Amino acid sequence: MIDDNDFDEQDEPIENQHPKRKKLMILLLPLLIVIGISVGIYFAINNNYDSLGGSYNIVQYNKDNADSITAFYDLPEIKAFVNGEDGRHELKLKLTLELSSVEDLRIVEILTSKLTDTVLNHVIELNMDEVEGSTGLYWLKEELLYRFNLVSAPVKIKNLNFSVFELQR
């Protein structure tokens, strides 16, 4: 039969068997806490609301009329290749969408990747001749505006502006 005293004798040596673990934990625990706090502060400082790469501006033309609010949303820069007679040419686009309400900004921000894919899918189909000149730019704008309104169905995109349009030959 085992006495209660036998258990007390066994407890003492177990505590003395792991002094290296205790020292290691005493050293590592503060280090892990400092690293965790540092990472948390880093992400808190660098947390921007343009996680998808877009930014927006809100303009109100007339303070008396709430319908005159216009919101502009900047899509991230898009790079695509356009086929030409002498090979492929790089096209850089930066688009600004004109919206009629602030609530539409949230929906468009969620749809940013889908809108970017829409631009890429359309531009890949084009030839160099279809993009050149003012006529090509006009038709590209109209086609992209049409496709954007299909993608963002409940949201009406009023206009599309090119912030950057570079076609490298």
Protein backbone atom coordinates (compact mmCIF):
# COMPACT_ATOMS: atom_id res chain seq x y z
CA MET A 1 0.00 0.00 0.00
CA ILE A 2 1.27 3.49 -0.81
CA ASP A 3 1.39 6.15 1.87
CA ASP A 4 0.66 9.82 1.35
CA ASN A 5 4.24 10.54 2.37
CA ASP A 6 5.50 8.65 -0.67
CA PHE A 7 3.73 11.12 -2.96
CA ASP A 8 5.25 14.10 -1.17
CA GLU A 9 8.72 12.69 -1.63
CA GLN A 10 8.17 12.23 -5.37
CA ASP A 11 6.99 15.83 -5.93
CA GLU A 12 10.20 17.50 -4.86
CA PRO A 13 12.62 15.83 -7.28
CA ILE A 14 10.32 16.47 -10.27
CA GLU A 15 10.49 20.23 -9.71
CA ASN A 16 14.27 20.14 -9.61
CA GLN A 17 14.59 18.08 -12.78
CA HIS A 18 13.58 20.89 -15.22
CA PRO A 19 15.42 24.08 -14.26
CA LYS A 20 16.54 24.56 -17.89
CA ARG A 21 12.92 24.66 -19.08
CA LYS A 22 12.06 27.30 -16.52
CA LYS A 23 15.03 29.46 -17.51
CA LEU A 24 14.17 29.01 -21.16
CA MET A 25 10.56 30.02 -20.56
CA ILE A 26 11.63 33.02 -18.50
CA LEU A 27 13.80 34.20 -21.41
CA LEU A 28 11.46 33.30 -24.30
CA LEU A 29 8.15 34.46 -22.88
CA PRO A 30 9.07 38.18 -22.72
CA LEU A 31 10.71 37.92 -26.13
CA LEU A 32 7.54 36.41 -27.65
CA ILE A 33 5.40 39.07 -25.99
CA VAL A 34 7.60 41.86 -27.39
CA ILE A 35 7.49 40.33 -30.88
CA GLY A 36 3.70 39.97 -30.70
CA ILE A 37 3.21 43.55 -29.58
CA SER A 38 5.60 44.80 -32.29
CA VAL A 39 3.74 42.93 -35.01
CA GLY A 40 0.41 44.22 -33.70
CA ILE A 41 1.64 47.82 -33.69
CA TYR A 42 3.09 47.43 -37.18
CA PHE A 43 -0.22 46.23 -38.61
CA ALA A 44 -2.17 48.85 -36.68
CA ILE A 45 -0.01 51.64 -38.10
CA ASN A 46 0.09 50.27 -41.63
CA ASN A 47 -3.59 49.40 -41.74
CA ASN A 48 -4.92 51.41 -44.63
CA TYR A 49 -8.45 51.17 -45.87
CA ASP A 50 -7.28 50.89 -49.46
CA SER A 51 -6.32 47.28 -49.04
CA LEU A 52 -7.36 46.53 -52.59
CA GLY A 53 -5.27 49.34 -53.97
CA GLY A 54 -7.99 51.86 -54.68
CA SER A 55 -8.66 55.25 -53.20
CA TYR A 56 -11.61 57.58 -53.32
CA ASN A 57 -12.63 61.22 -53.14
CA ILE A 58 -16.04 62.71 -52.44
CA VAL A 59 -17.10 66.00 -53.98
CA GLN A 60 -20.26 67.89 -53.13
CA TYR A 61 -21.15 70.61 -55.62
CA ASN A 62 -24.10 72.16 -53.80
CA LYS A 63 -24.57 71.92 -50.04
CA ASP A 64 -28.34 72.40 -50.31
CA ASN A 65 -28.86 69.53 -52.74
CA ALA A 66 -27.79 66.09 -51.51
CA ASP A 67 -28.22 64.63 -55.00
CA SER A 68 -25.23 66.62 -56.25
CA ILE A 69 -22.68 64.42 -54.46
CA THR A 70 -20.17 62.78 -56.74
CA ALA A 71 -17.75 60.14 -55.53
CA PHE A 72 -14.59 59.26 -57.45
CA TYR A 73 -12.97 55.87 -56.99
CA ASP A 74 -9.45 55.19 -58.29
CA LEU A 75 -8.78 51.68 -59.48
CA PRO A 76 -5.24 50.38 -59.07
CA GLU A 77 -2.91 50.65 -62.05
CA ILE A 78 -3.50 47.95 -64.65
CA LYS A 79 -0.83 46.66 -67.00
CA ALA A 80 -1.78 44.58 -70.02
CA PHE A 81 -0.37 43.65 -73.38
CA VAL A 82 -1.96 44.64 -76.69
CA ASN A 83 -1.12 42.82 -79.91
CA GLY A 84 0.28 44.85 -82.76
CA GLU A 85 1.78 44.16 -86.18
CA ASP A 86 5.31 44.22 -84.76
CA GLY A 87 4.64 42.24 -81.57
CA ARG A 88 3.10 42.85 -78.19
CA HIS A 89 2.97 46.32 -76.64
CA GLU A 90 2.47 47.19 -72.99
CA LEU A 91 -0.55 49.27 -72.03
CA LYS A 92 -0.70 50.97 -68.64
CA LEU A 93 -4.09 52.17 -67.43
CA LYS A 94 -5.19 53.96 -64.29
CA LEU A 95 -8.92 54.49 -64.21
CA THR A 96 -11.14 56.71 -62.07
CA LEU A 97 -14.78 55.78 -61.70
CA GLU A 98 -17.43 58.44 -61.12
CA LEU A 99 -20.24 57.35 -58.81
CA SER A 100 -23.38 59.10 -57.64
CA SER A 101 -23.39 58.11 -53.97
CA VAL A 102 -21.08 57.30 -51.10
CA GLU A 103 -22.76 53.94 -50.50
CA ASP A 104 -21.73 52.89 -54.01
CA LEU A 105 -18.08 53.29 -53.01
CA ARG A 106 -18.28 50.30 -50.68
CA ILE A 107 -19.74 48.07 -53.36
CA VAL A 108 -17.23 49.21 -55.98
CA GLU A 109 -14.37 48.68 -53.54
CA ILE A 110 -15.52 45.10 -53.01
CA LEU A 111 -15.78 44.62 -56.80
CA THR A 112 -12.32 46.10 -57.53
CA SER A 113 -10.72 42.79 -58.50
CA LYS A 114 -13.67 41.91 -60.74
CA LEU A 115 -13.50 45.31 -62.44
CA THR A 116 -9.76 44.89 -62.96
CA ASP A 117 -10.37 41.47 -64.53
CA THR A 118 -12.99 43.05 -66.79
CA VAL A 119 -10.43 45.56 -68.06
CA LEU A 120 -7.84 42.85 -68.64
CA ASN A 121 -10.28 40.58 -70.45
CA HIS A 122 -11.32 43.37 -72.80
CA VAL A 123 -7.85 44.82 -73.45
CA ILE A 124 -6.37 41.41 -74.26
CA GLU A 125 -8.87 41.08 -77.12
CA LEU A 126 -7.82 44.40 -78.71
CA ASN A 127 -5.31 45.15 -81.42
CA MET A 128 -2.95 48.11 -81.45
CA ASP A 129 -5.05 49.88 -84.11
CA GLU A 130 -8.18 49.69 -81.94
CA VAL A 131 -6.52 51.51 -79.03
CA GLU A 132 -4.61 54.23 -80.91
CA GLY A 133 -5.85 57.77 -81.29
CA SER A 134 -8.76 59.64 -79.83
CA THR A 135 -11.33 57.41 -81.54
CA GLY A 136 -9.77 54.27 -80.06
CA LEU A 137 -9.62 55.86 -76.63
CA TYR A 138 -13.26 56.93 -76.87
CA TRP A 139 -14.46 53.44 -77.84
CA LEU A 140 -12.31 51.84 -75.16
CA LYS A 141 -13.86 54.17 -72.59
CA GLU A 142 -17.40 53.44 -73.76
CA GLU A 143 -16.88 49.69 -73.85
CA LEU A 144 -15.28 49.61 -70.40
CA LEU A 145 -18.07 51.79 -68.97
CA TYR A 146 -20.66 49.41 -70.43
CA ARG A 147 -18.88 46.34 -69.03
CA PHE A 148 -18.35 47.96 -65.62
CA ASN A 149 -22.05 48.72 -65.33
CA LEU A 150 -22.82 45.08 -66.14
CA VAL A 151 -20.44 43.88 -63.43
CA SER A 152 -21.66 46.31 -60.77
CA ALA A 153 -25.32 45.86 -61.69
CA PRO A 154 -27.14 47.64 -58.84
CA VAL A 155 -24.51 50.40 -58.79
CA LYS A 156 -24.56 52.89 -61.65
CA ILE A 157 -21.11 54.09 -62.72
CA LYS A 158 -21.77 57.49 -64.26
CA ASN A 159 -18.45 58.05 -65.97
CA LEU A 160 -15.00 56.60 -66.48
CA ASN A 161 -11.87 58.74 -66.64
CA PHE A 162 -8.35 57.77 -67.61
CA SER A 163 -5.79 59.06 -65.10
CA VAL A 164 -2.99 57.25 -66.92
CA PHE A 165 -3.06 55.88 -70.46
CA GLU A 166 0.37 54.84 -71.70
CA LEU A 167 0.86 52.69 -74.75
CA GLN A 168 4.49 51.67 -75.16
CA ARG A 169 5.57 50.71 -78.62
